[in-house]
């Protein structure tokens, strides 16, 4: 009978450990992992830009956007548009 008693304690402790690992994993995924793996840094304008104005670095900012919502050939390097 002692073998079954230790086995039941082991299963109980293992169950609690798995629950804690799952909760911790969800917390880190929601706070850190999702942005690191599914978001992309995209170059955006900080303000409206009038027509025929040369783009300068101080006019640009960076936003993290979900990769699945982006258009094709999105600009991720500010040097592609600075000076144009």
C-alpha atoms as a PDB file:
ATOM      1  CA  UNK A   1       0.000   0.000   0.000  1.00  0.00           C
ATOM      2  CA  UNK A   2       2.889   2.362   0.631  1.00  0.00           C
ATOM      3  CA  UNK A   3       3.816   2.348  -3.067  1.00  0.00           C
ATOM      4  CA  UNK A   4       0.365   3.661  -4.060  1.00  0.00           C
ATOM      5  CA  UNK A   5       0.452   6.355  -1.380  1.00  0.00           C
ATOM      6  CA  UNK A   6       3.788   7.752  -2.614  1.00  0.00           C
ATOM      7  CA  UNK A   7       2.583   7.545  -6.206  1.00  0.00           C
ATOM      8  CA  UNK A   8      -0.527   9.578  -5.352  1.00  0.00           C
ATOM      9  CA  UNK A   9       1.581  12.247  -3.609  1.00  0.00           C
ATOM     10  CA  UNK A  10       3.911  12.371  -6.608  1.00  0.00           C
ATOM     11  CA  UNK A  11       0.988  12.833  -9.004  1.00  0.00           C
ATOM     12  CA  UNK A  12      -0.455  15.589  -6.808  1.00  0.00           C
ATOM     13  CA  UNK A  13       2.835  17.486  -6.625  1.00  0.00           C
ATOM     14  CA  UNK A  14       3.416  16.991 -10.345  1.00  0.00           C
ATOM     15  CA  UNK A  15      -0.081  18.326 -11.089  1.00  0.00           C
ATOM     16  CA  UNK A  16       0.513  21.466  -9.028  1.00  0.00           C
ATOM     17  CA  UNK A  17       3.885  22.030 -10.697  1.00  0.00           C
ATOM     18  CA  UNK A  18       2.325  21.684 -14.159  1.00  0.00           C
ATOM     19  CA  UNK A  19      -0.424  24.170 -13.276  1.00  0.00           C
ATOM     20  CA  UNK A  20       2.148  26.692 -12.027  1.00  0.00           C
ATOM     21  CA  UNK A  21       4.313  26.240 -15.129  1.00  0.00           C
ATOM     22  CA  UNK A  22       1.264  26.734 -17.358  1.00  0.00           C
ATOM     23  CA  UNK A  23       0.177  29.921 -15.580  1.00  0.00           C
ATOM     24  CA  UNK A  24       3.731  31.302 -15.680  1.00  0.00           C
ATOM     25  CA  UNK A  25       4.066  30.459 -19.387  1.00  0.00           C
ATOM     26  CA  UNK A  26       0.806  32.202 -20.254  1.00  0.00           C
ATOM     27  CA  UNK A  27       1.877  35.294 -18.286  1.00  0.00           C
ATOM     28  CA  UNK A  28       5.232  35.551 -20.087  1.00  0.00           C
ATOM     29  CA  UNK A  29       3.678  34.874 -23.504  1.00  0.00           C
ATOM     30  CA  UNK A  30       1.068  37.609 -23.074  1.00  0.00           C
ATOM     31  CA  UNK A  31       3.527  40.178 -21.717  1.00  0.00           C
ATOM     32  CA  UNK A  32       6.708  39.466 -23.669  1.00  0.00           C
ATOM     33  CA  UNK A  33       6.525  36.601 -26.159  1.00  0.00           C
ATOM     34  CA  UNK A  34       3.641  37.736 -28.333  1.00  0.00           C
ATOM     35  CA  UNK A  35       5.297  41.052 -29.202  1.00  0.00           C
ATOM     36  CA  UNK A  36       8.675  39.463 -29.814  1.00  0.00           C
ATOM     37  CA  UNK A  37       7.426  36.733 -32.129  1.00  0.00           C
ATOM     38  CA  UNK A  38       4.305  38.086 -33.874  1.00  0.00           C
ATOM     39  CA  UNK A  39       4.893  41.853 -34.092  1.00  0.00           C
ATOM     40  CA  UNK A  40       7.101  43.808 -36.492  1.00  0.00           C
ATOM     41  CA  UNK A  41       8.651  47.271 -36.064  1.00  0.00           C
ATOM     42  CA  UNK A  42       7.223  49.529 -38.771  1.00  0.00           C
ATOM     43  CA  UNK A  43       8.247  53.067 -39.725  1.00  0.00           C
ATOM     44  CA  UNK A  44       5.433  55.631 -39.411  1.00  0.00           C
ATOM     45  CA  UNK A  45       5.117  59.396 -39.677  1.00  0.00           C
ATOM     46  CA  UNK A  46       4.676  61.243 -36.365  1.00  0.00           C
ATOM     47  CA  UNK A  47       2.499  63.899 -38.023  1.00  0.00           C
ATOM     48  CA  UNK A  48       0.775  64.696 -41.303  1.00  0.00           C
ATOM     49  CA  UNK A  49       3.248  65.446 -44.068  1.00  0.00           C
ATOM     50  CA  UNK A  50       2.324  67.965 -46.765  1.00  0.00           C
ATOM     51  CA  UNK A  51       2.883  67.134 -50.403  1.00  0.00           C
ATOM     52  CA  UNK A  52       6.383  67.719 -51.865  1.00  0.00           C
ATOM     53  CA  UNK A  53       8.066  67.913 -48.438  1.00  0.00           C
ATOM     54  CA  UNK A  54      11.392  66.134 -47.967  1.00  0.00           C
ATOM     55  CA  UNK A  55      11.245  63.397 -45.351  1.00  0.00           C
ATOM     56  CA  UNK A  56      13.612  63.897 -42.410  1.00  0.00           C
ATOM     57  CA  UNK A  57      14.487  61.485 -39.635  1.00  0.00           C
ATOM     58  CA  UNK A  58      12.787  63.599 -36.953  1.00  0.00           C
ATOM     59  CA  UNK A  59       9.457  63.184 -38.804  1.00  0.00           C
ATOM     60  CA  UNK A  60       9.505  59.399 -38.391  1.00  0.00           C
ATOM     61  CA  UNK A  61       8.642  57.069 -35.540  1.00  0.00           C
ATOM     62  CA  UNK A  62       8.491  53.330 -34.942  1.00  0.00           C
ATOM     63  CA  UNK A  63       5.380  51.305 -34.080  1.00  0.00           C
ATOM     64  CA  UNK A  64       5.049  47.612 -33.310  1.00  0.00           C
ATOM     65  CA  UNK A  65       2.238  46.121 -35.399  1.00  0.00           C
ATOM     66  CA  UNK A  66       1.000  42.569 -35.740  1.00  0.00           C
ATOM     67  CA  UNK A  67       2.718  40.971 -38.726  1.00  0.00           C
ATOM     68  CA  UNK A  68      -0.469  39.394 -40.081  1.00  0.00           C
ATOM     69  CA  UNK A  69      -2.134  42.824 -40.494  1.00  0.00           C
ATOM     70  CA  UNK A  70       0.658  44.439 -42.517  1.00  0.00           C
ATOM     71  CA  UNK A  71       0.631  45.094 -46.245  1.00  0.00           C
ATOM     72  CA  UNK A  72       3.274  43.646 -48.562  1.00  0.00           C
ATOM     73  CA  UNK A  73       6.600  45.500 -48.707  1.00  0.00           C
ATOM     74  CA  UNK A  74       6.039  47.471 -45.511  1.00  0.00           C
ATOM     75  CA  UNK A  75       8.862  49.895 -44.672  1.00  0.00           C
ATOM     76  CA  UNK A  76      10.960  48.712 -41.735  1.00  0.00           C
ATOM     77  CA  UNK A  77      14.136  50.667 -42.473  1.00  0.00           C
ATOM     78  CA  UNK A  78      13.919  54.474 -42.113  1.00  0.00           C
ATOM     79  CA  UNK A  79      16.807  54.952 -44.562  1.00  0.00           C
ATOM     80  CA  UNK A  80      14.492  53.796 -47.373  1.00  0.00           C
ATOM     81  CA  UNK A  81      12.447  57.017 -47.190  1.00  0.00           C
ATOM     82  CA  UNK A  82      14.674  59.641 -45.535  1.00  0.00           C
ATOM     83  CA  UNK A  83      15.510  62.335 -48.074  1.00  0.00           C
ATOM     84  CA  UNK A  84      12.719  61.510 -50.488  1.00  0.00           C
END
